Protein backbone atom coordinates (compact mmCIF):
# COMPACT_ATOMS: atom_id res chain seq x y z
CA UNK A 1 -1.15 32.45 24.26
CA UNK A 2 1.38 31.83 21.50
CA UNK A 3 0.19 30.17 18.34
CA UNK A 4 1.27 26.69 17.28
CA UNK A 5 3.74 27.20 14.43
CA UNK A 6 2.96 24.66 11.71
CA UNK A 7 5.06 23.62 8.73
CA UNK A 8 3.52 21.75 5.80
CA UNK A 9 5.30 19.47 3.34
CA UNK A 10 3.96 18.97 -0.19
CA UNK A 11 2.40 22.43 -0.26
CA UNK A 12 1.29 22.33 -3.90
CA UNK A 13 -0.45 18.94 -3.65
CA UNK A 14 -4.13 18.41 -3.06
CA UNK A 15 -3.64 17.56 0.59
CA UNK A 16 -1.02 20.26 1.05
CA UNK A 17 -3.35 22.98 -0.19
CA UNK A 18 -6.10 21.73 2.11
CA UNK A 19 -3.73 21.77 5.08
CA UNK A 20 -2.65 25.32 4.27
CA UNK A 21 -6.28 26.42 4.25
CA UNK A 22 -7.02 24.67 7.55
CA UNK A 23 -4.01 26.21 9.30
CA UNK A 24 -4.69 29.72 8.04
CA UNK A 25 -8.29 29.54 9.25
CA UNK A 26 -7.33 28.25 12.72
CA UNK A 27 -6.94 31.14 15.18
CA UNK A 28 -4.63 29.07 17.41
CA UNK A 29 -2.24 28.07 14.61
CA UNK A 30 0.27 29.91 12.46
CA UNK A 31 1.48 28.83 9.03
CA UNK A 32 5.20 29.02 9.73
CA UNK A 33 6.60 27.27 6.64
CA UNK A 34 5.52 25.53 3.46
CA UNK A 35 7.73 23.11 1.54
CA UNK A 36 7.73 21.39 -1.82
CA UNK A 37 10.12 19.45 -4.04
CA UNK A 38 13.07 21.28 -5.57
CA UNK A 39 11.58 20.99 -9.08
CA UNK A 40 8.13 22.25 -8.09
CA UNK A 41 6.62 25.17 -9.98
CA UNK A 42 5.23 26.36 -6.65
CA UNK A 43 8.63 27.34 -5.23
CA UNK A 44 8.72 31.01 -4.35
CA UNK A 45 4.95 31.42 -4.49
CA UNK A 46 2.90 32.55 -1.54
CA UNK A 47 1.58 29.40 0.13
CA UNK A 48 -1.85 30.89 0.82
CA UNK A 49 -2.39 31.67 -2.84
CA UNK A 50 -1.99 27.95 -3.61
CA UNK A 51 -5.08 27.41 -1.47
CA UNK A 52 -6.98 30.27 -3.12
CA UNK A 53 -6.60 32.55 -0.09
CA UNK A 54 -5.18 36.08 0.37
CA UNK A 55 -1.36 36.25 0.63
CA UNK A 56 0.13 35.04 3.90
CA UNK A 57 3.72 36.15 3.47
CA UNK A 58 4.92 32.54 3.67
CA UNK A 59 6.75 31.50 0.52
CA UNK A 60 7.07 27.90 -0.59
CA UNK A 61 10.64 26.64 -0.21
CA UNK A 62 12.49 23.35 -0.65
CA UNK A 63 14.95 23.37 2.25
CA UNK A 64 13.04 21.50 4.98
CA UNK A 65 16.03 21.23 7.31
CA UNK A 66 16.53 25.00 7.40
CA UNK A 67 12.85 25.86 7.46
CA UNK A 68 12.14 23.78 10.55
CA UNK A 69 13.82 26.46 12.65
CA UNK A 70 10.55 28.40 12.37
CA UNK A 71 8.28 25.44 13.24
CA UNK A 72 6.86 23.71 16.29
CA UNK A 73 5.33 20.88 14.25
CA UNK A 74 5.64 19.51 10.72
CA UNK A 75 2.68 17.87 8.96
CA UNK A 76 3.61 15.38 6.24
CA UNK A 77 1.28 13.62 3.77
CA UNK A 78 3.82 12.82 1.06
CA UNK A 79 5.47 9.49 0.19
CA UNK A 80 7.30 7.09 2.54
CA UNK A 81 10.82 7.82 1.25
CA UNK A 82 10.40 11.58 1.53
CA UNK A 83 8.63 11.38 4.88
CA UNK A 84 11.52 9.42 6.38
CA UNK A 85 13.98 12.09 5.24
CA UNK A 86 11.79 14.78 6.79
CA UNK A 87 11.54 12.68 9.94
CA UNK A 88 15.30 12.79 10.42
CA UNK A 89 15.26 16.57 9.99
CA UNK A 90 12.55 16.84 12.66
CA UNK A 91 14.56 14.69 15.07
CA UNK A 92 17.63 16.88 14.55
CA UNK A 93 15.61 20.08 15.01
CA UNK A 94 13.53 18.78 17.92
CA UNK A 95 10.30 19.47 16.02
CA UNK A 96 7.19 17.33 16.52
CA UNK A 97 5.65 15.59 13.52
CA UNK A 98 2.23 14.53 12.26
CA UNK A 99 2.56 11.74 9.70
CA UNK A 100 -0.41 11.01 7.45
CA UNK A 101 1.68 9.25 4.81
CA UNK A 102 0.74 5.61 4.16
CA UNK A 103 2.49 2.67 2.51
CA UNK A 104 5.45 2.28 4.89
CA UNK A 105 7.18 -1.08 5.03
CA UNK A 106 8.28 -2.67 8.32
CA UNK A 107 11.67 -0.94 8.20
CA UNK A 108 10.05 2.46 7.69
CA UNK A 109 7.69 1.92 10.62
CA UNK A 110 10.65 0.89 12.76
CA UNK A 111 12.40 4.17 11.94
CA UNK A 112 9.30 6.08 13.04
CA UNK A 113 9.22 4.08 16.29
CA UNK A 114 12.85 4.92 16.94
CA UNK A 115 12.38 8.63 16.18
CA UNK A 116 9.47 8.76 18.63
CA UNK A 117 11.94 8.12 21.45
CA UNK A 118 13.29 11.61 20.82
CA UNK A 119 10.35 13.66 19.51
CA UNK A 120 6.55 13.40 19.78
CA UNK A 121 4.87 11.94 16.69
CA UNK A 122 1.26 11.29 15.68
CA UNK A 123 1.30 8.54 13.05
CA UNK A 124 -2.10 7.41 11.84
CA UNK A 125 -3.41 5.82 8.62
CA UNK A 126 -6.30 8.27 8.64
CA UNK A 127 -6.49 11.62 10.41
CA UNK A 128 -10.24 12.23 9.94
CA UNK A 129 -12.14 12.34 13.22
CA UNK A 130 -15.08 10.48 11.68
CA UNK A 131 -12.89 7.61 10.49
CA UNK A 132 -11.39 7.24 13.94
CA UNK A 133 -14.88 7.11 15.40
CA UNK A 134 -15.52 4.26 12.94
CA UNK A 135 -12.43 2.43 14.22
CA UNK A 136 -13.99 2.49 17.69
CA UNK A 137 -17.37 1.33 16.36
CA UNK A 138 -15.69 -1.55 14.52
CA UNK A 139 -14.04 -2.70 17.72
CA UNK A 140 -17.42 -2.83 19.46
CA UNK A 141 -19.18 -4.49 16.51
CA UNK A 142 -16.51 -7.18 16.12
CA UNK A 143 -16.80 -8.16 19.76
CA UNK A 144 -20.57 -8.48 19.45
CA UNK A 145 -20.59 -10.18 16.03
CA UNK A 146 -17.83 -12.61 16.92
CA UNK A 147 -19.59 -15.78 15.78
CA UNK A 148 -21.29 -16.62 12.50
CA UNK A 149 -20.25 -13.48 10.61
CA UNK A 150 -17.80 -13.17 7.72
CA UNK A 151 -15.83 -9.93 7.57
CA UNK A 152 -15.09 -8.10 4.31
CA UNK A 153 -13.44 -4.68 3.87
CA UNK A 154 -14.16 -2.71 0.69
CA UNK A 155 -12.35 0.54 -0.10
CA UNK A 156 -12.37 2.96 -3.03
CA UNK A 157 -9.98 5.81 -3.87
CA UNK A 158 -9.00 8.08 -6.75
CA UNK A 159 -6.96 6.83 -9.68
CA UNK A 160 -3.77 8.53 -8.43
CA UNK A 161 -3.45 6.56 -5.19
CA UNK A 162 -0.35 4.39 -5.35
CA UNK A 163 -0.83 1.89 -2.50
CA UNK A 164 -3.49 -0.77 -2.00
CA UNK A 165 -5.29 -1.63 0.15
CA UNK A 166 -5.38 1.80 1.70
CA UNK A 167 -3.79 2.35 5.08
CA UNK A 168 -7.25 3.07 6.47
CA UNK A 169 -8.63 -0.23 5.16
CA UNK A 170 -5.71 -2.12 6.66
CA UNK A 171 -6.22 -0.39 10.00
CA UNK A 172 -9.91 -1.31 9.91
CA UNK A 173 -8.90 -4.91 9.34
CA UNK A 174 -6.42 -4.76 12.21
CA UNK A 175 -9.03 -3.35 14.58
CA UNK A 176 -11.48 -6.13 13.73
CA UNK A 177 -8.83 -8.85 13.84
CA UNK A 178 -7.57 -7.68 17.24
CA UNK A 179 -11.10 -7.63 18.65
CA UNK A 180 -11.63 -11.19 17.37
CA UNK A 181 -8.34 -12.42 18.76
CA UNK A 182 -6.78 -12.96 15.35
CA UNK A 183 -3.65 -11.74 13.57
CA UNK A 184 -4.43 -9.80 10.41
CA UNK A 185 -1.14 -10.94 8.92
CA UNK A 186 -2.37 -14.53 9.11
CA UNK A 187 -6.02 -14.10 8.18
CA UNK A 188 -6.11 -11.37 5.50
CA UNK A 189 -7.15 -12.22 1.93
CA UNK A 190 -6.28 -9.54 -0.63
CA UNK A 191 -8.58 -10.06 -3.61
CA UNK A 192 -9.95 -13.26 -5.10
CA UNK A 193 -9.72 -14.75 -8.57
CA UNK A 194 -10.47 -18.07 -10.22
CA UNK A 195 -11.58 -21.18 -8.36
CA UNK A 196 -11.07 -20.10 -4.75
CA UNK A 197 -13.08 -22.76 -2.97
CA UNK A 198 -15.38 -22.00 -0.07
CA UNK A 199 -14.63 -19.04 2.11
CA UNK A 200 -12.60 -19.73 5.24
CA UNK A 201 -14.69 -18.31 8.10
CA UNK A 202 -11.57 -17.09 9.91
CA UNK A 203 -10.39 -14.83 7.06
CA UNK A 204 -10.89 -11.10 6.59
CA UNK A 205 -11.24 -10.16 2.92
CA UNK A 206 -10.13 -6.93 1.24
CA UNK A 207 -11.43 -5.49 -2.03
CA UNK A 208 -9.95 -2.41 -3.71
CA UNK A 209 -11.45 0.05 -6.19
CA UNK A 210 -9.42 2.75 -7.95
CA UNK A 211 -10.98 5.32 -10.24
CA UNK A 212 -11.77 8.94 -10.99
CA UNK A 213 -11.53 11.42 -8.15
CA UNK A 214 -12.95 9.34 -5.29
CA UNK A 215 -11.52 10.92 -2.14
CA UNK A 216 -11.98 7.84 0.03
CA UNK A 217 -14.79 5.37 0.74
CA UNK A 218 -14.48 2.54 3.27
CA UNK A 219 -17.02 -0.11 4.27
CA UNK A 220 -16.62 -3.06 6.61
CA UNK A 221 -19.26 -5.74 6.18
CA UNK A 222 -20.17 -8.31 8.83
CA UNK A 223 -22.03 -10.86 6.74
CA UNK A 224 -24.19 -13.34 8.61
CA UNK A 225 -26.98 -15.71 7.63
CA UNK A 226 -30.04 -13.65 6.77
CA UNK A 227 -28.51 -10.30 7.68
CA UNK A 228 -25.56 -8.02 6.98
CA UNK A 229 -24.19 -5.24 9.17
CA UNK A 230 -22.22 -2.53 7.36
CA UNK A 231 -20.18 0.25 8.93
CA UNK A 232 -19.09 2.86 6.40
CA UNK A 233 -17.27 6.13 6.09
CA UNK A 234 -17.29 8.25 2.93
CA UNK A 235 -15.15 11.33 2.42
CA UNK A 236 -16.51 14.15 0.28
CA UNK A 237 -13.32 16.21 0.50
CA UNK A 238 -9.86 16.15 2.09
CA UNK A 239 -10.73 18.80 4.65
CA UNK A 240 -11.58 16.24 7.40
CA UNK A 241 -8.04 14.87 7.07
CA UNK A 242 -6.61 18.37 7.33
CA UNK A 243 -8.70 19.32 10.35
CA UNK A 244 -7.82 16.07 12.10
CA UNK A 245 -4.12 16.62 11.36
CA UNK A 246 -4.29 20.10 12.86
CA UNK A 247 -5.98 18.65 15.93
CA UNK A 248 -3.12 16.17 16.16
CA UNK A 249 -0.56 18.97 15.89
CA UNK A 250 -2.19 20.79 18.80
CA UNK A 251 -2.19 17.56 20.82
CA UNK A 252 1.56 17.22 20.30
CA UNK A 253 2.26 20.68 21.71
CA UNK A 254 1.93 19.21 25.18
CA UNK A 255 4.15 16.18 24.58
CA UNK A 256 7.92 15.71 24.97
CA UNK A 257 8.31 12.48 22.99
CA UNK A 258 6.37 9.32 22.14
CA UNK A 259 4.43 7.67 19.35
CA UNK A 260 0.71 8.43 19.24
CA UNK A 261 -2.18 7.94 16.85
CA UNK A 262 -5.58 9.59 16.45
CA UNK A 263 -7.12 7.33 19.07
CA UNK A 264 -4.79 9.04 21.56
CA UNK A 265 -5.56 12.49 20.15
CA UNK A 266 -9.31 11.94 20.52
CA UNK A 267 -9.06 10.36 23.96
CA UNK A 268 -10.38 6.97 22.83
CA UNK A 269 -7.44 5.04 24.20
CA UNK A 270 -8.66 5.26 27.78
CA UNK A 271 -12.29 4.45 26.98
CA UNK A 272 -13.51 0.92 27.55
CA UNK A 273 -15.70 -0.59 24.84
């Protein structure tokens, strides 16, 4: 059986290096290309060496459009503007795409929706299998704890993260809001300061922490009278995101077009809570 040829954008970044390692250690995948920005010091280097592994023969390059000729799937964890450029290249080349980038505005999400009519895409705020299991648990918990419980989402990330709340935290809020029959857009509260008055029982609160090298911690609290239920996920490294992304890339190998997320990849979509 032929191997799934994977291209990785942002090869010299923390997530890029983790993805390179995951692909090179997967017997069913092949590192076909590695890309970085045109001013990157990593250009021309062996991609495997960036991950501390023996040479792979794949050199880091900056021409994504040309490099996609060698790829079946491109994995992108960069920034929204760059990801959208890479998306257009994938559409032109007929290459599937796994998008782990967060922070897209409505227009950016619309472009991803449109591209999915031509190529298969997995677009998810968090690729970790454990986090996606938490999404499912939150759906069940919200349906059970649907009366008398206030919902708060607390997330913490490293000092370099540029968007807040995290895409994962927002997705957690969406899952809970949907299960409660609410619209997150209408009920979300992002931080509190000063004289806020009593808490509106219909709201879902978000709190954000940024500091140090925290990979990613997320907790959803269902706060009742006399008890509190907490569902948490804590990441000790970026490898779960890389392994989940690779799983998504393999899932796409059997698809012609369409927009999917990790719930589809893991087969949760068809399961009834």
